[in-house]
Amino acid sequence: MPYITNIERIGREEGLIQGLEEGRQKGRQEGLREGQTALLLRQIRRRWGRTETELEVRLQKMTLEQLEALGDAMLDFRELTDLQRWLSGV
């Protein structure tokens, strides 16, 4: 077994900790994005009925920032065409 200095050991431990934190942060971001997508789909279905698969796929590909912007914009939408118009600009 090769000799590992204290500096190497500390570096490895810090690398592992940093990797775990980055993984947790990515997991949190993904969870937020999925939750925002689910919320918007529920709101769209309640307001305009069934959604097209294409719309669902499109929402699932959006970033968290885009989903949040859509959530704000939806407050002003009156018709499904408003949503479609907004999505064409993304």
C-alpha atoms as a PDB file:
ATOM      1  CA  MET A   1       0.000   0.000   0.000  1.00  0.00           C
ATOM      2  CA  PRO A   2       1.534   3.350  -1.004  1.00  0.00           C
ATOM      3  CA  TYR A   3       2.385   5.933   1.606  1.00  0.00           C
ATOM      4  CA  ILE A   4      -0.037   8.884   1.688  1.00  0.00           C
ATOM      5  CA  THR A   5       1.021  12.131   3.296  1.00  0.00           C
ATOM      6  CA  ASN A   6      -1.307  14.119   5.530  1.00  0.00           C
ATOM      7  CA  ILE A   7      -1.567  16.764   2.836  1.00  0.00           C
ATOM      8  CA  GLU A   8      -2.661  14.175   0.259  1.00  0.00           C
ATOM      9  CA  ARG A   9      -5.175  12.691   2.698  1.00  0.00           C
ATOM     10  CA  ILE A  10      -6.627  16.112   3.523  1.00  0.00           C
ATOM     11  CA  GLY A  11      -6.801  16.945  -0.199  1.00  0.00           C
ATOM     12  CA  ARG A  12      -8.669  13.753  -0.932  1.00  0.00           C
ATOM     13  CA  GLU A  13     -11.111  14.335   1.935  1.00  0.00           C
ATOM     14  CA  GLU A  14     -11.750  17.904   0.806  1.00  0.00           C
ATOM     15  CA  GLY A  15     -12.287  16.677  -2.751  1.00  0.00           C
ATOM     16  CA  LEU A  16     -14.805  14.112  -1.578  1.00  0.00           C
ATOM     17  CA  ILE A  17     -16.648  16.677   0.534  1.00  0.00           C
ATOM     18  CA  GLN A  18     -16.707  19.160  -2.344  1.00  0.00           C
ATOM     19  CA  GLY A  19     -17.997  16.472  -4.703  1.00  0.00           C
ATOM     20  CA  LEU A  20     -20.762  15.546  -2.284  1.00  0.00           C
ATOM     21  CA  GLU A  21     -21.812  19.176  -1.884  1.00  0.00           C
ATOM     22  CA  GLU A  22     -21.882  19.707  -5.644  1.00  0.00           C
ATOM     23  CA  GLY A  23     -23.988  16.563  -6.029  1.00  0.00           C
ATOM     24  CA  ARG A  24     -26.416  17.726  -3.370  1.00  0.00           C
ATOM     25  CA  GLN A  25     -26.719  21.164  -4.978  1.00  0.00           C
ATOM     26  CA  LYS A  26     -27.410  19.635  -8.399  1.00  0.00           C
ATOM     27  CA  GLY A  27     -29.982  17.333  -6.820  1.00  0.00           C
ATOM     28  CA  ARG A  28     -31.735  20.258  -5.136  1.00  0.00           C
ATOM     29  CA  GLN A  29     -31.800  22.235  -8.384  1.00  0.00           C
ATOM     30  CA  GLU A  30     -33.201  19.255 -10.287  1.00  0.00           C
ATOM     31  CA  GLY A  31     -35.837  18.711  -7.619  1.00  0.00           C
ATOM     32  CA  LEU A  32     -36.886  22.366  -7.775  1.00  0.00           C
ATOM     33  CA  ARG A  33     -37.076  22.223 -11.569  1.00  0.00           C
ATOM     34  CA  GLU A  34     -39.199  19.072 -11.511  1.00  0.00           C
ATOM     35  CA  GLY A  35     -41.506  20.546  -8.872  1.00  0.00           C
ATOM     36  CA  GLN A  36     -41.933  23.777 -10.832  1.00  0.00           C
ATOM     37  CA  THR A  37     -42.681  21.802 -13.999  1.00  0.00           C
ATOM     38  CA  ALA A  38     -45.305  19.698 -12.207  1.00  0.00           C
ATOM     39  CA  LEU A  39     -46.947  22.794 -10.726  1.00  0.00           C
ATOM     40  CA  LEU A  40     -47.147  24.575 -14.080  1.00  0.00           C
ATOM     41  CA  LEU A  41     -48.590  21.488 -15.776  1.00  0.00           C
ATOM     42  CA  ARG A  42     -51.284  21.223 -13.078  1.00  0.00           C
ATOM     43  CA  GLN A  43     -52.155  24.889 -13.499  1.00  0.00           C
ATOM     44  CA  ILE A  44     -52.301  24.609 -17.287  1.00  0.00           C
ATOM     45  CA  ARG A  45     -54.510  21.503 -17.117  1.00  0.00           C
ATOM     46  CA  ARG A  46     -56.855  23.112 -14.605  1.00  0.00           C
ATOM     47  CA  ARG A  47     -57.173  26.273 -16.640  1.00  0.00           C
ATOM     48  CA  TRP A  48     -57.310  24.900 -20.187  1.00  0.00           C
ATOM     49  CA  GLY A  49     -57.910  21.164 -19.854  1.00  0.00           C
ATOM     50  CA  ARG A  50     -55.679  18.441 -21.228  1.00  0.00           C
ATOM     51  CA  THR A  51     -52.197  19.295 -22.340  1.00  0.00           C
ATOM     52  CA  GLU A  52     -50.434  18.069 -25.424  1.00  0.00           C
ATOM     53  CA  THR A  53     -47.475  15.762 -24.949  1.00  0.00           C
ATOM     54  CA  GLU A  54     -45.359  18.230 -26.903  1.00  0.00           C
ATOM     55  CA  LEU A  55     -46.095  20.943 -24.326  1.00  0.00           C
ATOM     56  CA  GLU A  56     -45.184  18.624 -21.454  1.00  0.00           C
ATOM     57  CA  VAL A  57     -41.888  17.672 -23.117  1.00  0.00           C
ATOM     58  CA  ARG A  58     -41.125  21.316 -23.788  1.00  0.00           C
ATOM     59  CA  LEU A  59     -41.696  22.279 -20.159  1.00  0.00           C
ATOM     60  CA  GLN A  60     -39.537  19.401 -18.961  1.00  0.00           C
ATOM     61  CA  LYS A  61     -36.638  20.704 -21.052  1.00  0.00           C
ATOM     62  CA  MET A  62     -36.836  24.256 -19.688  1.00  0.00           C
ATOM     63  CA  THR A  63     -34.420  25.610 -17.111  1.00  0.00           C
ATOM     64  CA  LEU A  64     -35.577  26.525 -13.628  1.00  0.00           C
ATOM     65  CA  GLU A  65     -35.248  30.207 -14.509  1.00  0.00           C
ATOM     66  CA  GLN A  66     -37.437  29.791 -17.605  1.00  0.00           C
ATOM     67  CA  LEU A  67     -40.045  27.875 -15.610  1.00  0.00           C
ATOM     68  CA  GLU A  68     -40.141  30.599 -12.959  1.00  0.00           C
ATOM     69  CA  ALA A  69     -40.539  33.269 -15.653  1.00  0.00           C
ATOM     70  CA  LEU A  70     -43.383  31.258 -17.190  1.00  0.00           C
ATOM     71  CA  GLY A  71     -45.050  30.942 -13.801  1.00  0.00           C
ATOM     72  CA  ASP A  72     -45.020  34.725 -13.445  1.00  0.00           C
ATOM     73  CA  ALA A  73     -46.187  35.299 -17.026  1.00  0.00           C
ATOM     74  CA  MET A  74     -49.070  32.817 -16.670  1.00  0.00           C
ATOM     75  CA  LEU A  75     -50.741  35.182 -14.223  1.00  0.00           C
ATOM     76  CA  ASP A  76     -51.464  37.465 -17.173  1.00  0.00           C
ATOM     77  CA  PHE A  77     -52.519  34.806 -19.708  1.00  0.00           C
ATOM     78  CA  ARG A  78     -56.185  34.760 -20.664  1.00  0.00           C
ATOM     79  CA  GLU A  79     -56.118  32.104 -23.382  1.00  0.00           C
ATOM     80  CA  LEU A  80     -54.061  29.076 -24.313  1.00  0.00           C
ATOM     81  CA  THR A  81     -52.753  31.050 -27.282  1.00  0.00           C
ATOM     82  CA  ASP A  82     -51.072  33.440 -24.806  1.00  0.00           C
ATOM     83  CA  LEU A  83     -49.120  30.488 -23.445  1.00  0.00           C
ATOM     84  CA  GLN A  84     -48.226  29.270 -26.930  1.00  0.00           C
ATOM     85  CA  ARG A  85     -47.102  32.779 -27.922  1.00  0.00           C
ATOM     86  CA  TRP A  86     -44.928  33.039 -24.802  1.00  0.00           C
ATOM     87  CA  LEU A  87     -43.366  29.631 -25.466  1.00  0.00           C
ATOM     88  CA  SER A  88     -42.519  30.601 -29.051  1.00  0.00           C
ATOM     89  CA  GLY A  89     -40.311  33.349 -27.649  1.00  0.00           C
ATOM     90  CA  VAL A  90     -38.290  30.971 -25.448  1.00  0.00           C
END
